[in-house]
PDB file of N, CA and C in Angstrom:
ATOM      1  N   UNK A   1      13.655   9.626   5.772  1.00  0.00           N
ATOM      2  CA  UNK A   1      12.227   9.691   5.555  1.00  0.00           C
ATOM      3  C   UNK A   1      11.943  10.709   4.455  1.00  0.00           C
ATOM      4  N   UNK A   2      10.994  10.391   3.610  1.00  0.00           N
ATOM      5  CA  UNK A   2      10.702  11.289   2.504  1.00  0.00           C
ATOM      6  C   UNK A   2       9.360  11.987   2.654  1.00  0.00           C
ATOM      7  N   UNK A   3       8.940  12.219   3.876  1.00  0.00           N
ATOM      8  CA  UNK A   3       7.670  12.902   4.081  1.00  0.00           C
ATOM      9  C   UNK A   3       7.896  14.374   4.405  1.00  0.00           C
ATOM     10  N   UNK A   4       8.827  15.002   3.669  1.00  0.00           N
ATOM     11  CA  UNK A   4       9.124  16.408   3.888  1.00  0.00           C
ATOM     12  C   UNK A   4       8.021  17.310   3.357  1.00  0.00           C
ATOM     13  N   UNK A   5       7.088  16.755   2.596  1.00  0.00           N
ATOM     14  CA  UNK A   5       5.952  17.541   2.125  1.00  0.00           C
ATOM     15  C   UNK A   5       5.021  17.789   3.311  1.00  0.00           C
ATOM     16  N   UNK A   6       4.099  18.707   3.145  1.00  0.00           N
ATOM     17  CA  UNK A   6       3.137  18.986   4.205  1.00  0.00           C
ATOM     18  C   UNK A   6       2.184  17.822   4.403  1.00  0.00           C
ATOM     19  N   UNK A   7       1.446  17.878   5.510  1.00  0.00           N
ATOM     20  CA  UNK A   7       0.534  16.777   5.824  1.00  0.00           C
ATOM     21  C   UNK A   7      -0.509  16.576   4.730  1.00  0.00           C
ATOM     22  N   UNK A   8      -1.048  17.649   4.195  1.00  0.00           N
ATOM     23  CA  UNK A   8      -2.083  17.525   3.160  1.00  0.00           C
ATOM     24  C   UNK A   8      -1.541  16.774   1.934  1.00  0.00           C
ATOM     25  N   UNK A   9      -0.342  17.116   1.504  1.00  0.00           N
ATOM     26  CA  UNK A   9       0.265  16.444   0.345  1.00  0.00           C
ATOM     27  C   UNK A   9       0.608  14.992   0.684  1.00  0.00           C
ATOM     28  N   UNK A  10       1.108  14.758   1.870  1.00  0.00           N
ATOM     29  CA  UNK A  10       1.415  13.397   2.322  1.00  0.00           C
ATOM     30  C   UNK A  10       0.149  12.535   2.271  1.00  0.00           C
ATOM     31  N   UNK A  11      -0.929  13.038   2.862  1.00  0.00           N
ATOM     32  CA  UNK A  11      -2.196  12.301   2.884  1.00  0.00           C
ATOM     33  C   UNK A  11      -2.671  12.044   1.457  1.00  0.00           C
ATOM     34  N   UNK A  12      -2.570  13.044   0.590  1.00  0.00           N
ATOM     35  CA  UNK A  12      -2.973  12.875  -0.802  1.00  0.00           C
ATOM     36  C   UNK A  12      -2.176  11.761  -1.470  1.00  0.00           C
ATOM     37  N   UNK A  13      -0.864  11.754  -1.279  1.00  0.00           N
ATOM     38  CA  UNK A  13      -0.008  10.745  -1.898  1.00  0.00           C
ATOM     39  C   UNK A  13      -0.336   9.341  -1.380  1.00  0.00           C
ATOM     40  N   UNK A  14      -0.505   9.209  -0.081  1.00  0.00           N
ATOM     41  CA  UNK A  14      -0.814   7.904   0.511  1.00  0.00           C
ATOM     42  C   UNK A  14      -2.173   7.401   0.014  1.00  0.00           C
ATOM     43  N   UNK A  15      -3.162   8.275   0.016  1.00  0.00           N
ATOM     44  CA  UNK A  15      -4.495   7.854  -0.405  1.00  0.00           C
ATOM     45  C   UNK A  15      -4.548   7.537  -1.898  1.00  0.00           C
ATOM     46  N   UNK A  16      -3.802   8.256  -2.695  1.00  0.00           N
ATOM     47  CA  UNK A  16      -3.753   7.940  -4.126  1.00  0.00           C
ATOM     48  C   UNK A  16      -3.088   6.583  -4.348  1.00  0.00           C
ATOM     49  N   UNK A  17      -2.024   6.295  -3.611  1.00  0.00           N
ATOM     50  CA  UNK A  17      -1.375   4.983  -3.723  1.00  0.00           C
ATOM     51  C   UNK A  17      -2.335   3.881  -3.278  1.00  0.00           C
ATOM     52  N   UNK A  18      -3.048   4.111  -2.208  1.00  0.00           N
ATOM     53  CA  UNK A  18      -4.040   3.139  -1.722  1.00  0.00           C
ATOM     54  C   UNK A  18      -5.135   2.921  -2.764  1.00  0.00           C
ATOM     55  N   UNK A  19      -5.646   4.005  -3.313  1.00  0.00           N
ATOM     56  CA  UNK A  19      -6.728   3.930  -4.301  1.00  0.00           C
ATOM     57  C   UNK A  19      -6.304   3.126  -5.534  1.00  0.00           C
ATOM     58  N   UNK A  20      -5.053   3.242  -5.933  1.00  0.00           N
ATOM     59  CA  UNK A  20      -4.538   2.538  -7.108  1.00  0.00           C
ATOM     60  C   UNK A  20      -4.146   1.091  -6.822  1.00  0.00           C
ATOM     61  N   UNK A  21      -4.080   0.708  -5.575  1.00  0.00           N
ATOM     62  CA  UNK A  21      -3.609  -0.630  -5.223  1.00  0.00           C
ATOM     63  C   UNK A  21      -4.599  -1.696  -5.669  1.00  0.00           C
ATOM     64  N   UNK A  22      -4.112  -2.692  -6.426  1.00  0.00           N
ATOM     65  CA  UNK A  22      -5.000  -3.785  -6.847  1.00  0.00           C
ATOM     66  C   UNK A  22      -5.610  -4.493  -5.637  1.00  0.00           C
ATOM     67  N   UNK A  23      -6.890  -4.813  -5.745  1.00  0.00           N
ATOM     68  CA  UNK A  23      -7.569  -5.521  -4.667  1.00  0.00           C
ATOM     69  C   UNK A  23      -8.347  -4.612  -3.741  1.00  0.00           C
ATOM     70  N   UNK A  24      -8.176  -3.277  -3.897  1.00  0.00           N
ATOM     71  CA  UNK A  24      -8.941  -2.340  -3.079  1.00  0.00           C
ATOM     72  C   UNK A  24     -10.185  -1.895  -3.847  1.00  0.00           C
ATOM     73  N   UNK A  25     -11.111  -1.265  -3.139  1.00  0.00           N
ATOM     74  CA  UNK A  25     -12.327  -0.772  -3.790  1.00  0.00           C
ATOM     75  C   UNK A  25     -12.028   0.412  -4.697  1.00  0.00           C
ATOM     76  N   UNK A  26     -10.920   1.090  -4.458  1.00  0.00           N
ATOM     77  CA  UNK A  26     -10.603   2.282  -5.233  1.00  0.00           C
ATOM     78  C   UNK A  26     -11.265   3.535  -4.688  1.00  0.00           C
ATOM     79  N   UNK A  27     -11.946   3.391  -3.565  1.00  0.00           N
ATOM     80  CA  UNK A  27     -12.576   4.555  -2.938  1.00  0.00           C
ATOM     81  C   UNK A  27     -11.917   4.839  -1.599  1.00  0.00           C
ATOM     82  N   UNK A  28     -11.945   6.102  -1.221  1.00  0.00           N
ATOM     83  CA  UNK A  28     -11.315   6.546   0.020  1.00  0.00           C
ATOM     84  C   UNK A  28     -12.411   7.033   0.954  1.00  0.00           C
ATOM     85  N   UNK A  29     -12.348   6.567   2.174  1.00  0.00           N
ATOM     86  CA  UNK A  29     -13.317   6.973   3.195  1.00  0.00           C
ATOM     87  C   UNK A  29     -12.647   7.905   4.214  1.00  0.00           C
ATOM     88  N   UNK A  30     -13.465   8.499   5.046  1.00  0.00           N
ATOM     89  CA  UNK A  30     -12.956   9.418   6.070  1.00  0.00           C
ATOM     90  C   UNK A  30     -11.945   8.714   6.979  1.00  0.00           C
ATOM     91  N   UNK A  31     -12.223   7.485   7.361  1.00  0.00           N
ATOM     92  CA  UNK A  31     -11.306   6.740   8.236  1.00  0.00           C
ATOM     93  C   UNK A  31      -9.947   6.543   7.569  1.00  0.00           C
ATOM     94  N   UNK A  32      -9.939   6.398   6.251  1.00  0.00           N
ATOM     95  CA  UNK A  32      -8.672   6.252   5.520  1.00  0.00           C
ATOM     96  C   UNK A  32      -7.870   7.557   5.587  1.00  0.00           C
ATOM     97  N   UNK A  33      -8.563   8.674   5.448  1.00  0.00           N
ATOM     98  CA  UNK A  33      -7.892   9.983   5.542  1.00  0.00           C
ATOM     99  C   UNK A  33      -7.287  10.187   6.932  1.00  0.00           C
ATOM    100  N   UNK A  34      -8.053   9.833   7.947  1.00  0.00           N
ATOM    101  CA  UNK A  34      -7.556   9.974   9.320  1.00  0.00           C
ATOM    102  C   UNK A  34      -6.340   9.087   9.560  1.00  0.00           C
ATOM    103  N   UNK A  35      -6.391   7.858   9.063  1.00  0.00           N
ATOM    104  CA  UNK A  35      -5.262   6.946   9.238  1.00  0.00           C
ATOM    105  C   UNK A  35      -4.031   7.463   8.499  1.00  0.00           C
ATOM    106  N   UNK A  36      -4.210   7.982   7.291  1.00  0.00           N
ATOM    107  CA  UNK A  36      -3.074   8.531   6.542  1.00  0.00           C
ATOM    108  C   UNK A  36      -2.432   9.681   7.318  1.00  0.00           C
ATOM    109  N   UNK A  37      -3.249  10.532   7.934  1.00  0.00           N
ATOM    110  CA  UNK A  37      -2.713  11.625   8.748  1.00  0.00           C
ATOM    111  C   UNK A  37      -1.946  11.082   9.953  1.00  0.00           C
ATOM    112  N   UNK A  38      -2.439  10.017  10.554  1.00  0.00           N
ATOM    113  CA  UNK A  38      -1.748   9.397  11.694  1.00  0.00           C
ATOM    114  C   UNK A  38      -0.404   8.803  11.266  1.00  0.00           C
ATOM    115  N   UNK A  39      -0.372   8.203  10.087  1.00  0.00           N
ATOM    116  CA  UNK A  39       0.890   7.646   9.583  1.00  0.00           C
ATOM    117  C   UNK A  39       1.908   8.764   9.377  1.00  0.00           C
ATOM    118  N   UNK A  40       1.437   9.903   8.892  1.00  0.00           N
ATOM    119  CA  UNK A  40       2.316  11.055   8.736  1.00  0.00           C
ATOM    120  C   UNK A  40       2.832  11.517  10.092  1.00  0.00           C
ATOM    121  N   UNK A  41       1.951  11.579  11.074  1.00  0.00           N
ATOM    122  CA  UNK A  41       2.352  12.010  12.415  1.00  0.00           C
ATOM    123  C   UNK A  41       3.362  11.060  13.039  1.00  0.00           C
ATOM    124  N   UNK A  42       3.288   9.787  12.665  1.00  0.00           N
ATOM    125  CA  UNK A  42       4.273   8.814  13.149  1.00  0.00           C
ATOM    126  C   UNK A  42       5.629   8.990  12.463  1.00  0.00           C
ATOM    127  N   UNK A  43       5.660   9.768  11.402  1.00  0.00           N
ATOM    128  CA  UNK A  43       6.915  10.019  10.697  1.00  0.00           C
ATOM    129  C   UNK A  43       7.247   8.963   9.658  1.00  0.00           C
ATOM    130  N   UNK A  44       6.251   8.179   9.254  1.00  0.00           N
ATOM    131  CA  UNK A  44       6.500   7.143   8.248  1.00  0.00           C
ATOM    132  C   UNK A  44       6.574   7.769   6.867  1.00  0.00           C
ATOM    133  N   UNK A  45       7.532   7.345   6.094  1.00  0.00           N
ATOM    134  CA  UNK A  45       7.681   7.905   4.753  1.00  0.00           C
ATOM    135  C   UNK A  45       6.612   7.348   3.820  1.00  0.00           C
ATOM    136  N   UNK A  46       6.307   8.127   2.803  1.00  0.00           N
ATOM    137  CA  UNK A  46       5.355   7.680   1.790  1.00  0.00           C
ATOM    138  C   UNK A  46       5.874   6.415   1.125  1.00  0.00           C
ATOM    139  N   UNK A  47       7.181   6.327   0.918  1.00  0.00           N
ATOM    140  CA  UNK A  47       7.740   5.138   0.251  1.00  0.00           C
ATOM    141  C   UNK A  47       7.536   3.872   1.087  1.00  0.00           C
ATOM    142  N   UNK A  48       7.588   3.962   2.400  1.00  0.00           N
ATOM    143  CA  UNK A  48       7.316   2.802   3.251  1.00  0.00           C
ATOM    144  C   UNK A  48       5.875   2.350   3.058  1.00  0.00           C
ATOM    145  N   UNK A  49       4.955   3.307   3.031  1.00  0.00           N
ATOM    146  CA  UNK A  49       3.540   2.974   2.842  1.00  0.00           C
ATOM    147  C   UNK A  49       3.341   2.343   1.465  1.00  0.00           C
ATOM    148  N   UNK A  50       3.907   2.957   0.440  1.00  0.00           N
ATOM    149  CA  UNK A  50       3.776   2.422  -0.919  1.00  0.00           C
ATOM    150  C   UNK A  50       4.361   1.019  -1.018  1.00  0.00           C
ATOM    151  N   UNK A  51       5.507   0.794  -0.391  1.00  0.00           N
ATOM    152  CA  UNK A  51       6.112  -0.546  -0.416  1.00  0.00           C
ATOM    153  C   UNK A  51       5.217  -1.571   0.262  1.00  0.00           C
ATOM    154  N   UNK A  52       4.595  -1.179   1.353  1.00  0.00           N
ATOM    155  CA  UNK A  52       3.681  -2.097   2.047  1.00  0.00           C
ATOM    156  C   UNK A  52       2.468  -2.424   1.180  1.00  0.00           C
ATOM    157  N   UNK A  53       1.930  -1.429   0.496  1.00  0.00           N
ATOM    158  CA  UNK A  53       0.793  -1.655  -0.392  1.00  0.00           C
ATOM    159  C   UNK A  53       1.173  -2.620  -1.509  1.00  0.00           C
ATOM    160  N   UNK A  54       2.344  -2.426  -2.074  1.00  0.00           N
ATOM    161  CA  UNK A  54       2.826  -3.301  -3.156  1.00  0.00           C
ATOM    162  C   UNK A  54       3.034  -4.722  -2.650  1.00  0.00           C
ATOM    163  N   UNK A  55       3.653  -4.860  -1.498  1.00  0.00           N
ATOM    164  CA  UNK A  55       3.916  -6.184  -0.942  1.00  0.00           C
ATOM    165  C   UNK A  55       2.610  -6.930  -0.667  1.00  0.00           C
ATOM    166  N   UNK A  56       1.665  -6.267  -0.047  1.00  0.00           N
ATOM    167  CA  UNK A  56       0.380  -6.906   0.265  1.00  0.00           C
ATOM    168  C   UNK A  56      -0.374  -7.268  -1.008  1.00  0.00           C
ATOM    169  N   UNK A  57      -0.385  -6.377  -1.977  1.00  0.00           N
ATOM    170  CA  UNK A  57      -1.086  -6.652  -3.237  1.00  0.00           C
ATOM    171  C   UNK A  57      -0.438  -7.830  -3.968  1.00  0.00           C
ATOM    172  N   UNK A  58       0.875  -7.877  -3.961  1.00  0.00           N
ATOM    173  CA  UNK A  58       1.572  -8.978  -4.626  1.00  0.00           C
ATOM    174  C   UNK A  58       1.247 -10.304  -3.947  1.00  0.00           C
ATOM    175  N   UNK A  59       1.229 -10.317  -2.647  1.00  0.00           N
ATOM    176  CA  UNK A  59       0.893 -11.548  -1.916  1.00  0.00           C
ATOM    177  C   UNK A  59      -0.517 -12.015  -2.246  1.00  0.00           C
ATOM    178  N   UNK A  60      -1.434 -11.064  -2.374  1.00  0.00           N
ATOM    179  CA  UNK A  60      -2.827 -11.421  -2.657  1.00  0.00           C
ATOM    180  C   UNK A  60      -3.022 -11.898  -4.092  1.00  0.00           C
ATOM    181  N   UNK A  61      -2.307 -11.299  -5.028  1.00  0.00           N
ATOM    182  CA  UNK A  61      -2.517 -11.622  -6.440  1.00  0.00           C
ATOM    183  C   UNK A  61      -1.727 -12.841  -6.910  1.00  0.00           C
ATOM    184  N   UNK A  62      -0.588 -13.079  -6.318  1.00  0.00           N
ATOM    185  CA  UNK A  62       0.281 -14.161  -6.775  1.00  0.00           C
ATOM    186  C   UNK A  62       0.085 -15.389  -5.893  1.00  0.00           C
ATOM    187  N   UNK A  63      -1.119 -15.933  -5.983  1.00  0.00           N
ATOM    188  CA  UNK A  63      -1.511 -17.105  -5.208  1.00  0.00           C
ATOM    189  C   UNK A  63      -1.778 -18.243  -6.169  1.00  0.00           C
ATOM    190  N   UNK A  64      -1.853 -19.450  -5.665  1.00  0.00           N
ATOM    191  CA  UNK A  64      -2.159 -20.590  -6.539  1.00  0.00           C
ATOM    192  C   UNK A  64      -3.479 -20.371  -7.279  1.00  0.00           C
ATOM    193  N   UNK A  65      -3.535 -20.823  -8.520  1.00  0.00           N
ATOM    194  CA  UNK A  65      -4.726 -20.634  -9.352  1.00  0.00           C
ATOM    195  C   UNK A  65      -5.971 -21.262  -8.722  1.00  0.00           C
ATOM    196  N   UNK A  66      -5.792 -22.345  -7.978  1.00  0.00           N
ATOM    197  CA  UNK A  66      -6.945 -23.036  -7.383  1.00  0.00           C
ATOM    198  C   UNK A  66      -7.396 -22.424  -6.052  1.00  0.00           C
ATOM    199  N   UNK A  67      -6.679 -21.436  -5.566  1.00  0.00           N
ATOM    200  CA  UNK A  67      -7.047 -20.797  -4.298  1.00  0.00           C
ATOM    201  C   UNK A  67      -8.348 -20.011  -4.467  1.00  0.00           C
ATOM    202  N   UNK A  68      -9.136 -20.002  -3.414  1.00  0.00           N
ATOM    203  CA  UNK A  68     -10.377 -19.237  -3.438  1.00  0.00           C
ATOM    204  C   UNK A  68     -10.064 -17.746  -3.563  1.00  0.00           C
ATOM    205  N   UNK A  69     -10.897 -17.013  -4.268  1.00  0.00           N
ATOM    206  CA  UNK A  69     -10.660 -15.572  -4.396  1.00  0.00           C
ATOM    207  C   UNK A  69     -10.795 -14.872  -3.046  1.00  0.00           C
ATOM    208  N   UNK A  70     -10.023 -13.833  -2.878  1.00  0.00           N
ATOM    209  CA  UNK A  70     -10.070 -13.035  -1.655  1.00  0.00           C
ATOM    210  C   UNK A  70     -11.047 -11.886  -1.838  1.00  0.00           C
ATOM    211  N   UNK A  71     -11.609 -11.419  -0.747  1.00  0.00           N
ATOM    212  CA  UNK A  71     -12.530 -10.291  -0.799  1.00  0.00           C
ATOM    213  C   UNK A  71     -11.805  -8.991  -1.098  1.00  0.00           C
ATOM    214  N   UNK A  72     -12.570  -8.005  -1.472  1.00  0.00           N
ATOM    215  CA  UNK A  72     -12.037  -6.683  -1.769  1.00  0.00           C
ATOM    216  C   UNK A  72     -11.606  -5.985  -0.483  1.00  0.00           C
ATOM    217  N   UNK A  73     -10.483  -5.299  -0.543  1.00  0.00           N
ATOM    218  CA  UNK A  73      -9.984  -4.520   0.597  1.00  0.00           C
ATOM    219  C   UNK A  73     -10.756  -3.210   0.636  1.00  0.00           C
ATOM    220  N   UNK A  74     -11.348  -2.909   1.784  1.00  0.00           N
ATOM    221  CA  UNK A  74     -12.210  -1.741   1.902  1.00  0.00           C
ATOM    222  C   UNK A  74     -11.659  -0.648   2.816  1.00  0.00           C
ATOM    223  N   UNK A  75     -10.437  -0.846   3.332  1.00  0.00           N
ATOM    224  CA  UNK A  75      -9.892   0.126   4.268  1.00  0.00           C
ATOM    225  C   UNK A  75      -8.369   0.130   4.227  1.00  0.00           C
ATOM    226  N   UNK A  76      -7.808   1.308   4.338  1.00  0.00           N
ATOM    227  CA  UNK A  76      -6.354   1.444   4.438  1.00  0.00           C
ATOM    228  C   UNK A  76      -5.833   0.702   5.662  1.00  0.00           C
ATOM    229  N   UNK A  77      -6.655   0.573   6.689  1.00  0.00           N
ATOM    230  CA  UNK A  77      -6.250  -0.107   7.926  1.00  0.00           C
ATOM    231  C   UNK A  77      -5.849  -1.561   7.674  1.00  0.00           C
ATOM    232  N   UNK A  78      -6.370  -2.168   6.621  1.00  0.00           N
ATOM    233  CA  UNK A  78      -6.000  -3.545   6.264  1.00  0.00           C
ATOM    234  C   UNK A  78      -4.475  -3.675   6.151  1.00  0.00           C
ATOM    235  N   UNK A  79      -3.810  -2.623   5.718  1.00  0.00           N
ATOM    236  CA  UNK A  79      -2.385  -2.673   5.423  1.00  0.00           C
ATOM    237  C   UNK A  79      -1.481  -2.392   6.626  1.00  0.00           C
ATOM    238  N   UNK A  80      -2.050  -2.049   7.771  1.00  0.00           N
ATOM    239  CA  UNK A  80      -1.235  -1.705   8.937  1.00  0.00           C
ATOM    240  C   UNK A  80      -0.234  -2.809   9.300  1.00  0.00           C
ATOM    241  N   UNK A  81      -0.636  -4.086   9.386  1.00  0.00           N
ATOM    242  CA  UNK A  81       0.362  -5.116   9.725  1.00  0.00           C
ATOM    243  C   UNK A  81       1.500  -5.206   8.693  1.00  0.00           C
ATOM    244  N   UNK A  82       1.184  -4.983   7.440  1.00  0.00           N
ATOM    245  CA  UNK A  82       2.220  -5.052   6.408  1.00  0.00           C
ATOM    246  C   UNK A  82       3.124  -3.822   6.483  1.00  0.00           C
ATOM    247  N   UNK A  83       2.557  -2.666   6.820  1.00  0.00           N
ATOM    248  CA  UNK A  83       3.375  -1.469   7.024  1.00  0.00           C
ATOM    249  C   UNK A  83       4.374  -1.719   8.148  1.00  0.00           C
ATOM    250  N   UNK A  84       3.892  -2.288   9.244  1.00  0.00           N
ATOM    251  CA  UNK A  84       4.782  -2.602  10.377  1.00  0.00           C
ATOM    252  C   UNK A  84       5.865  -3.591   9.951  1.00  0.00           C
ATOM    253  N   UNK A  85       5.491  -4.562   9.133  1.00  0.00           N
ATOM    254  CA  UNK A  85       6.451  -5.553   8.644  1.00  0.00           C
ATOM    255  C   UNK A  85       7.521  -4.895   7.772  1.00  0.00           C
ATOM    256  N   UNK A  86       7.107  -4.009   6.879  1.00  0.00           N
ATOM    257  CA  UNK A  86       8.056  -3.336   5.983  1.00  0.00           C
ATOM    258  C   UNK A  86       9.042  -2.492   6.783  1.00  0.00           C
ATOM    259  N   UNK A  87       8.598  -1.930   7.884  1.00  0.00           N
ATOM    260  CA  UNK A  87       9.486  -1.113   8.714  1.00  0.00           C
ATOM    261  C   UNK A  87      10.672  -1.901   9.267  1.00  0.00           C
ATOM    262  N   UNK A  88      10.494  -3.200   9.476  1.00  0.00           N
ATOM    263  CA  UNK A  88      11.574  -3.995  10.067  1.00  0.00           C
ATOM    264  C   UNK A  88      12.216  -4.970   9.086  1.00  0.00           C
ATOM    265  N   UNK A  89      11.690  -5.043   7.861  1.00  0.00           N
ATOM    266  CA  UNK A  89      12.253  -5.958   6.869  1.00  0.00           C
ATOM    267  C   UNK A  89      13.600  -5.457   6.359  1.00  0.00           C
ATOM    268  N   UNK A  90      14.607  -6.315   6.396  1.00  0.00           N
ATOM    269  CA  UNK A  90      15.894  -5.923   5.810  1.00  0.00           C
ATOM    270  C   UNK A  90      15.905  -6.268   4.311  1.00  0.00           C
ATOM    271  N   UNK A  91      15.085  -5.548   3.541  1.00  0.00           N
ATOM    272  CA  UNK A  91      14.914  -5.852   2.127  1.00  0.00           C
ATOM    273  C   UNK A  91      15.482  -4.723   1.279  1.00  0.00           C
ATOM    274  N   UNK A  92      16.170  -5.116   0.219  1.00  0.00           N
ATOM    275  CA  UNK A  92      16.690  -4.149  -0.732  1.00  0.00           C
ATOM    276  C   UNK A  92      15.517  -3.453  -1.419  1.00  0.00           C
ATOM    277  N   UNK A  93      15.555  -2.138  -1.568  1.00  0.00           N
ATOM    278  CA  UNK A  93      14.462  -1.419  -2.240  1.00  0.00           C
ATOM    279  C   UNK A  93      14.188  -1.927  -3.668  1.00  0.00           C
ATOM    280  N   UNK A  94      15.186  -2.533  -4.286  1.00  0.00           N
ATOM    281  CA  UNK A  94      14.990  -3.092  -5.629  1.00  0.00           C
ATOM    282  C   UNK A  94      13.937  -4.195  -5.624  1.00  0.00           C
ATOM    283  N   UNK A  95      13.777  -4.886  -4.506  1.00  0.00           N
ATOM    284  CA  UNK A  95      12.775  -5.944  -4.429  1.00  0.00           C
ATOM    285  C   UNK A  95      11.365  -5.371  -4.609  1.00  0.00           C
ATOM    286  N   UNK A  96      11.108  -4.226  -4.004  1.00  0.00           N
ATOM    287  CA  UNK A  96       9.801  -3.606  -4.140  1.00  0.00           C
ATOM    288  C   UNK A  96       9.578  -3.130  -5.576  1.00  0.00           C
ATOM    289  N   UNK A  97      10.638  -2.675  -6.217  1.00  0.00           N
ATOM    290  CA  UNK A  97      10.532  -2.283  -7.624  1.00  0.00           C
ATOM    291  C   UNK A  97      10.215  -3.505  -8.486  1.00  0.00           C
ATOM    292  N   UNK A  98      10.848  -4.623  -8.176  1.00  0.00           N
ATOM    293  CA  UNK A  98      10.556  -5.887  -8.864  1.00  0.00           C
ATOM    294  C   UNK A  98       9.076  -6.257  -8.699  1.00  0.00           C
ATOM    295  N   UNK A  99       8.562  -6.139  -7.479  1.00  0.00           N
ATOM    296  CA  UNK A  99       7.153  -6.445  -7.226  1.00  0.00           C
ATOM    297  C   UNK A  99       6.230  -5.506  -8.005  1.00  0.00           C
ATOM    298  N   UNK A 100       6.617  -4.229  -8.095  1.00  0.00           N
ATOM    299  CA  UNK A 100       5.801  -3.279  -8.862  1.00  0.00           C
ATOM    300  C   UNK A 100       5.687  -3.731 -10.324  1.00  0.00           C
ATOM    301  N   UNK A 101       6.792  -4.178 -10.886  1.00  0.00           N
ATOM    302  CA  UNK A 101       6.775  -4.647 -12.279  1.00  0.00           C
ATOM    303  C   UNK A 101       5.928  -5.906 -12.430  1.00  0.00           C
ATOM    304  N   UNK A 102       6.030  -6.809 -11.474  1.00  0.00           N
ATOM    305  CA  UNK A 102       5.208  -8.026 -11.508  1.00  0.00           C
ATOM    306  C   UNK A 102       3.726  -7.670 -11.439  1.00  0.00           C
ATOM    307  N   UNK A 103       3.380  -6.773 -10.532  1.00  0.00           N
ATOM    308  CA  UNK A 103       1.986  -6.370 -10.385  1.00  0.00           C
ATOM    309  C   UNK A 103       1.458  -5.697 -11.646  1.00  0.00           C
ATOM    310  N   UNK A 104       2.283  -4.899 -12.272  1.00  0.00           N
ATOM    311  CA  UNK A 104       1.852  -4.206 -13.483  1.00  0.00           C
ATOM    312  C   UNK A 104       1.460  -5.200 -14.572  1.00  0.00           C
ATOM    313  N   UNK A 105       2.064  -6.373 -14.558  1.00  0.00           N
ATOM    314  CA  UNK A 105       1.748  -7.386 -15.569  1.00  0.00           C
ATOM    315  C   UNK A 105       0.504  -8.194 -15.239  1.00  0.00           C
ATOM    316  N   UNK A 106       0.218  -8.395 -13.947  1.00  0.00           N
ATOM    317  CA  UNK A 106      -0.897  -9.277 -13.568  1.00  0.00           C
ATOM    318  C   UNK A 106      -2.140  -8.565 -13.061  1.00  0.00           C
ATOM    319  N   UNK A 107      -2.004  -7.314 -12.652  1.00  0.00           N
ATOM    320  CA  UNK A 107      -3.137  -6.613 -12.048  1.00  0.00           C
ATOM    321  C   UNK A 107      -3.768  -5.647 -13.052  1.00  0.00           C
ATOM    322  N   UNK A 108      -5.067  -5.551 -13.032  1.00  0.00           N
ATOM    323  CA  UNK A 108      -5.723  -4.545 -13.884  1.00  0.00           C
ATOM    324  C   UNK A 108      -5.355  -3.141 -13.438  1.00  0.00           C
ATOM    325  N   UNK A 109      -5.212  -2.240 -14.360  1.00  0.00           N
ATOM    326  CA  UNK A 109      -4.854  -0.848 -14.030  1.00  0.00           C
ATOM    327  C   UNK A 109      -6.089  -0.057 -13.666  1.00  0.00           C
ATOM    328  N   UNK A 110      -5.896   0.887 -12.763  1.00  0.00           N
ATOM    329  CA  UNK A 110      -6.981   1.812 -12.381  1.00  0.00           C
ATOM    330  C   UNK A 110      -6.706   3.147 -12.983  1.00  0.00           C
TER     331      UNK A 110
END
């Protein structure tokens, strides 16, 4: 686990990753801060959270062109099921790096 930083720094890193994630409002609410602190208390690494954000964003952005647009994500809680999925996925970390590169090409930067 790479959450050896203090809780304040952990929360900052998680919320900054959330804020930058394509498809989110880019704003952080009190509930998001509380959830980030809870994720830290669970002992989840920042990299697990970041990987889940990338995976969810990639799934949302890389859809058929004729698919209806999805609504904006307004809460970090939206990503909880994907965080749980990433925890049990036997995926090479290189896959998440691949997704990051794909997203950088298709998603607007914040």
